[in-house]
Amino acid sequence: MISFGAQRFRLGMATLAVGILTSSAHAYLDPGTGSMILQVLLGGVAGLALVGKLYWHKLLSLFGLRRDDVEVTTRDGPEAGSKR
């Protein structure tokens, strides 16, 4: 079995080797990439807001905050225009 000190030494040597032996990538992110990432994030937020708006009633009824069968009563219904 390897002792804790030996494990730390091996981990330290591996980290040092990776740090020394790797080369730079010579890559960059231009401003267009940043704006594209921002656009994707804002589009996702807008999509979630739209889905939330479409399913708001179902979400409220799922949590028991609103009944499924909500009746709408108006003063000027079909009976208001009929004569008896």
Protein backbone atom coordinates (compact mmCIF):
# COMPACT_ATOMS: atom_id res chain seq x y z
CA MET A 1 0.00 0.00 0.00
CA ILE A 2 1.27 3.49 -0.84
CA SER A 3 1.57 5.94 2.04
CA PHE A 4 -0.11 9.32 2.06
CA GLY A 5 3.24 11.13 1.67
CA ALA A 6 4.10 9.10 -1.43
CA GLN A 7 0.70 9.82 -2.96
CA ARG A 8 1.17 13.56 -2.38
CA PHE A 9 4.65 13.39 -3.94
CA ARG A 10 3.34 11.59 -7.04
CA LEU A 11 0.45 14.04 -7.38
CA GLY A 12 2.83 16.99 -7.03
CA MET A 13 5.23 15.60 -9.65
CA ALA A 14 2.37 14.88 -12.06
CA THR A 15 1.02 18.41 -11.63
CA LEU A 16 4.50 19.86 -12.19
CA ALA A 17 5.01 17.75 -15.31
CA VAL A 18 1.66 18.80 -16.79
CA GLY A 19 2.42 22.44 -16.04
CA ILE A 20 5.83 22.32 -17.68
CA LEU A 21 5.15 20.08 -20.66
CA THR A 22 1.96 21.65 -21.99
CA SER A 23 2.16 24.22 -24.74
CA SER A 24 -0.06 27.23 -25.33
CA ALA A 25 -3.04 26.88 -27.63
CA HIS A 26 -2.63 30.16 -29.57
CA ALA A 27 -6.39 30.62 -29.62
CA TYR A 28 -8.64 33.52 -28.71
CA LEU A 29 -12.29 34.37 -28.33
CA ASP A 30 -13.32 37.34 -30.40
CA PRO A 31 -16.12 39.73 -29.36
CA GLY A 32 -18.56 37.96 -31.68
CA THR A 33 -18.20 34.78 -29.63
CA GLY A 34 -19.04 36.62 -26.42
CA SER A 35 -22.11 38.20 -27.95
CA MET A 36 -23.21 34.81 -29.32
CA ILE A 37 -22.94 33.25 -25.86
CA LEU A 38 -24.93 36.15 -24.41
CA GLN A 39 -27.57 35.75 -27.12
CA VAL A 40 -27.94 32.03 -26.40
CA LEU A 41 -28.32 32.69 -22.67
CA LEU A 42 -30.90 35.44 -23.18
CA GLY A 43 -32.79 33.29 -25.70
CA GLY A 44 -32.92 30.46 -23.18
CA VAL A 45 -34.30 32.80 -20.51
CA ALA A 46 -36.90 34.13 -22.96
CA GLY A 47 -37.88 30.58 -23.92
CA LEU A 48 -38.30 29.58 -20.29
CA ALA A 49 -40.41 32.69 -19.68
CA LEU A 50 -42.64 31.82 -22.64
CA VAL A 51 -43.12 28.23 -21.49
CA GLY A 52 -43.87 29.50 -17.99
CA LYS A 53 -46.47 31.89 -19.36
CA LEU A 54 -48.12 29.20 -21.47
CA TYR A 55 -48.33 26.67 -18.65
CA TRP A 56 -48.90 29.05 -15.71
CA HIS A 57 -52.46 27.84 -15.02
CA LYS A 58 -51.41 24.18 -15.12
CA LEU A 59 -48.50 24.95 -12.81
CA LEU A 60 -50.76 26.68 -10.28
CA SER A 61 -53.26 23.82 -10.33
CA LEU A 62 -50.39 21.35 -9.89
CA PHE A 63 -49.37 23.03 -6.64
CA GLY A 64 -52.99 23.29 -5.52
CA LEU A 65 -53.15 27.07 -5.67
CA ARG A 66 -55.95 27.12 -8.22
CA ARG A 67 -58.73 24.72 -9.14
CA ASP A 68 -58.69 23.01 -12.53
CA ASP A 69 -62.25 24.02 -13.44
CA VAL A 70 -62.49 27.77 -13.00
CA GLU A 71 -65.89 29.08 -14.03
CA VAL A 72 -66.09 32.55 -15.48
CA THR A 73 -69.33 34.38 -14.75
CA THR A 74 -70.27 37.59 -16.49
CA ARG A 75 -73.14 39.97 -16.08
CA ASP A 76 -73.97 39.97 -19.76
CA GLY A 77 -74.20 36.28 -20.47
CA PRO A 78 -76.45 34.58 -23.01
CA GLU A 79 -79.43 34.92 -20.67
CA ALA A 80 -79.19 38.72 -20.60
CA GLY A 81 -80.41 39.13 -24.17
CA SER A 82 -83.22 36.57 -24.08
CA LYS A 83 -86.83 37.60 -23.43
CA ARG A 84 -89.19 35.35 -21.58
